[in-house]
N, C-alpha and C. Protein backbone atom coordinates (compact mmCIF):
# COMPACT_ATOMS: atom_id res chain seq x y z
N MET A 1 -40.63 -115.67 95.02
CA MET A 1 -41.44 -116.89 94.92
C MET A 1 -40.82 -117.96 95.88
N ALA A 2 -41.55 -118.83 96.11
CA ALA A 2 -41.17 -119.96 97.22
C ALA A 2 -40.47 -120.88 96.25
N HIS A 3 -39.55 -121.60 96.81
CA HIS A 3 -38.80 -122.91 96.23
C HIS A 3 -38.61 -123.64 97.19
N PRO A 4 -38.67 -125.09 96.64
CA PRO A 4 -38.41 -126.13 97.64
C PRO A 4 -36.66 -126.10 97.87
N LYS A 5 -36.54 -126.34 99.45
CA LYS A 5 -35.20 -126.54 99.87
C LYS A 5 -34.28 -127.57 99.29
N SER A 6 -35.05 -128.53 98.99
CA SER A 6 -34.42 -129.82 98.20
C SER A 6 -35.41 -130.31 97.18
N ARG A 7 -34.79 -130.80 96.31
CA ARG A 7 -35.57 -131.68 95.19
C ARG A 7 -36.15 -133.07 95.75
N ILE A 8 -37.31 -133.28 95.51
CA ILE A 8 -38.15 -134.34 95.83
C ILE A 8 -37.84 -135.35 94.73
N SER A 9 -37.22 -136.63 95.18
CA SER A 9 -36.98 -137.78 93.99
C SER A 9 -38.30 -138.16 93.34
N LYS A 10 -38.22 -138.91 92.40
CA LYS A 10 -39.32 -139.28 91.20
C LYS A 10 -39.94 -140.22 92.23
N GLN A 11 -38.83 -141.25 92.86
CA GLN A 11 -39.64 -142.44 93.57
C GLN A 11 -40.53 -141.75 94.77
N ARG A 12 -40.27 -140.74 95.45
CA ARG A 12 -41.06 -140.39 96.57
C ARG A 12 -42.42 -139.65 96.18
N LYS A 13 -42.03 -138.95 94.99
CA LYS A 13 -43.20 -138.37 94.25
C LYS A 13 -44.46 -139.23 93.65
N ARG A 14 -43.77 -140.33 93.19
CA ARG A 14 -44.74 -141.02 92.78
C ARG A 14 -45.44 -142.19 93.86
N LYS A 15 -44.50 -142.52 94.91
CA LYS A 15 -45.13 -143.30 96.02
C LYS A 15 -46.49 -142.39 96.57
N ARG A 16 -46.27 -140.97 96.80
CA ARG A 16 -47.14 -140.20 97.42
C ARG A 16 -48.43 -140.19 96.28
N ARG A 17 -48.29 -140.08 95.00
CA ARG A 17 -49.57 -140.35 94.34
C ARG A 17 -50.10 -141.32 93.96
N THR A 18 -49.48 -142.51 94.36
CA THR A 18 -50.40 -143.85 94.31
C THR A 18 -51.61 -143.98 94.95
N HIS A 19 -51.77 -142.99 96.28
CA HIS A 19 -53.14 -143.17 96.96
C HIS A 19 -54.10 -142.20 96.26
N ILE A 20 -53.86 -141.60 95.17
CA ILE A 20 -54.83 -141.02 94.54
C ILE A 20 -55.47 -141.81 93.42
N LYS A 21 -56.77 -142.35 93.84
CA LYS A 21 -57.36 -143.32 92.90
C LYS A 21 -58.79 -142.73 92.59
N ALA A 22 -59.27 -143.12 91.31
CA ALA A 22 -60.67 -142.89 91.02
C ALA A 22 -61.59 -143.58 91.71
N LYS A 23 -62.82 -143.15 92.18
CA LYS A 23 -63.74 -144.07 93.01
C LYS A 23 -64.86 -144.45 92.22
N ALA A 24 -65.48 -145.58 92.47
CA ALA A 24 -66.55 -146.22 91.82
C ALA A 24 -67.72 -145.26 92.06
N PRO A 25 -68.45 -144.76 91.03
CA PRO A 25 -69.71 -144.15 91.06
C PRO A 25 -70.78 -144.87 91.97
N HIS A 26 -71.57 -143.99 92.57
CA HIS A 26 -72.57 -144.67 93.55
C HIS A 26 -73.81 -144.87 92.72
N VAL A 27 -74.11 -146.22 92.56
CA VAL A 27 -75.06 -146.64 91.88
C VAL A 27 -76.31 -147.10 92.65
N VAL A 28 -77.62 -146.67 92.55
CA VAL A 28 -78.79 -147.17 93.28
C VAL A 28 -79.75 -147.57 92.40
N VAL A 29 -80.76 -148.46 92.81
CA VAL A 29 -81.91 -148.87 92.15
C VAL A 29 -82.96 -148.33 92.64
N CYS A 30 -83.58 -147.70 91.72
CA CYS A 30 -85.24 -147.10 92.09
C CYS A 30 -86.20 -148.09 92.60
N ALA A 31 -86.99 -147.72 93.45
CA ALA A 31 -87.89 -148.54 94.07
C ALA A 31 -89.01 -148.58 93.13
N LYS A 32 -89.37 -147.47 92.28
CA LYS A 32 -90.60 -147.33 91.40
C LYS A 32 -90.40 -148.24 90.25
N THR A 33 -89.29 -148.12 89.57
CA THR A 33 -89.18 -148.69 88.06
C THR A 33 -87.97 -149.82 88.23
N GLY A 34 -87.28 -149.68 89.33
CA GLY A 34 -86.30 -150.80 89.26
C GLY A 34 -84.81 -150.72 88.55
N GLU A 35 -84.85 -149.46 88.01
CA GLU A 35 -83.65 -149.13 87.23
C GLU A 35 -82.67 -148.57 87.89
N PRO A 36 -81.24 -149.39 87.68
CA PRO A 36 -80.37 -148.76 88.22
C PRO A 36 -79.80 -147.44 87.56
N HIS A 37 -79.34 -146.51 88.57
CA HIS A 37 -78.94 -145.18 87.92
C HIS A 37 -78.04 -144.49 88.99
N LEU A 38 -77.35 -143.38 88.48
CA LEU A 38 -76.56 -142.82 89.55
C LEU A 38 -77.24 -141.97 90.52
N TYR A 39 -76.75 -141.85 91.64
CA TYR A 39 -77.43 -141.25 92.98
C TYR A 39 -77.54 -139.64 92.49
N HIS A 40 -78.74 -139.07 92.92
CA HIS A 40 -78.93 -137.70 92.54
C HIS A 40 -78.84 -137.31 90.96
N ARG A 41 -79.20 -138.18 90.27
CA ARG A 41 -79.09 -137.70 88.73
C ARG A 41 -80.51 -138.30 88.00
N ALA A 42 -81.24 -137.51 87.18
CA ALA A 42 -82.15 -137.99 86.44
C ALA A 42 -81.99 -139.25 85.44
N TYR A 43 -82.65 -140.14 84.98
CA TYR A 43 -82.49 -141.22 84.21
C TYR A 43 -83.62 -141.49 83.25
N TYR A 44 -83.53 -142.16 82.04
CA TYR A 44 -84.55 -142.46 81.29
C TYR A 44 -84.89 -144.01 81.31
N HIS A 45 -86.22 -144.19 81.36
CA HIS A 45 -86.93 -145.62 81.68
C HIS A 45 -88.11 -145.68 80.69
N ASN A 46 -88.04 -146.40 79.77
CA ASN A 46 -89.33 -146.50 78.61
C ASN A 46 -89.53 -145.29 78.11
N GLY A 47 -88.49 -144.50 77.75
CA GLY A 47 -88.61 -143.00 77.05
C GLY A 47 -89.08 -141.98 77.82
N ALA A 48 -89.25 -142.28 79.34
CA ALA A 48 -89.70 -141.03 80.11
C ALA A 48 -88.42 -140.61 81.04
N LEU A 49 -88.40 -139.53 81.23
CA LEU A 49 -87.22 -139.22 82.46
C LEU A 49 -87.82 -139.13 83.58
N TYR A 50 -87.10 -139.93 84.62
CA TYR A 50 -87.45 -139.96 85.83
C TYR A 50 -86.44 -139.22 86.81
N TYR A 51 -86.72 -138.54 87.83
CA TYR A 51 -86.16 -138.28 89.25
C TYR A 51 -86.80 -138.14 90.25
N LYS A 52 -85.95 -138.97 91.23
CA LYS A 52 -86.52 -139.13 92.67
C LYS A 52 -88.06 -139.71 92.60
N GLY A 53 -87.99 -140.71 91.77
CA GLY A 53 -89.08 -141.61 91.33
C GLY A 53 -90.34 -141.05 90.66
N GLN A 54 -90.20 -139.88 90.47
CA GLN A 54 -91.24 -139.00 89.67
C GLN A 54 -90.98 -138.81 88.22
N VAL A 55 -91.89 -138.92 87.59
CA VAL A 55 -91.68 -138.47 86.02
C VAL A 55 -91.64 -137.03 85.71
N VAL A 56 -90.55 -136.96 85.01
CA VAL A 56 -90.30 -135.13 84.95
C VAL A 56 -90.58 -134.92 83.30
N ILE A 57 -90.37 -135.73 82.43
CA ILE A 57 -90.69 -135.47 80.99
C ILE A 57 -91.48 -136.88 80.63
N GLU A 58 -92.47 -136.90 80.00
CA GLU A 58 -93.57 -137.84 79.70
C GLU A 58 -92.77 -138.68 78.41
N ALA A 59 -92.77 -139.76 78.15
CA ALA A 59 -92.50 -140.34 76.98
C ALA A 59 -93.33 -139.57 75.66
N VAL A 60 -92.56 -139.57 74.47
CA VAL A 60 -93.05 -138.73 73.65
C VAL A 60 -93.47 -139.81 72.45
N ALA A 61 -94.89 -140.07 71.98
CA ALA A 61 -94.74 -141.19 71.01
C ALA A 61 -94.54 -140.68 69.66
N GLU A 62 -93.49 -141.44 68.79
CA GLU A 62 -93.13 -141.16 67.69
C GLU A 62 -94.36 -141.33 66.59
N GLU A 63 -94.66 -139.94 65.85
CA GLU A 63 -95.56 -140.05 64.88
C GLU A 63 -95.04 -140.75 63.48
N GLU A 64 -95.91 -141.44 63.01
CA GLU A 64 -95.55 -141.85 61.56
C GLU A 64 -96.02 -141.19 60.51
N TYR A 65 -95.24 -140.79 59.52
CA TYR A 65 -95.46 -140.17 58.31
C TYR A 65 -95.65 -140.88 57.21
N ASP A 66 -96.74 -140.70 56.40
CA ASP A 66 -96.70 -141.62 55.04
C ASP A 66 -96.31 -140.84 53.87
């Protein structure tokens, strides 16, 4: 198995790792509904599921039971 020739110090290791950062998610606003959502993801608006500006699943009205 391969082994490093010399030990990497904690300081060098931590300096290298400081550049690895989480990126902010890409949020867009739908032109049809005006709802902000993640890019390439389906989203709910007024109970209906939208994707690419099209209704994928209609809103289901809640039935009242007596």
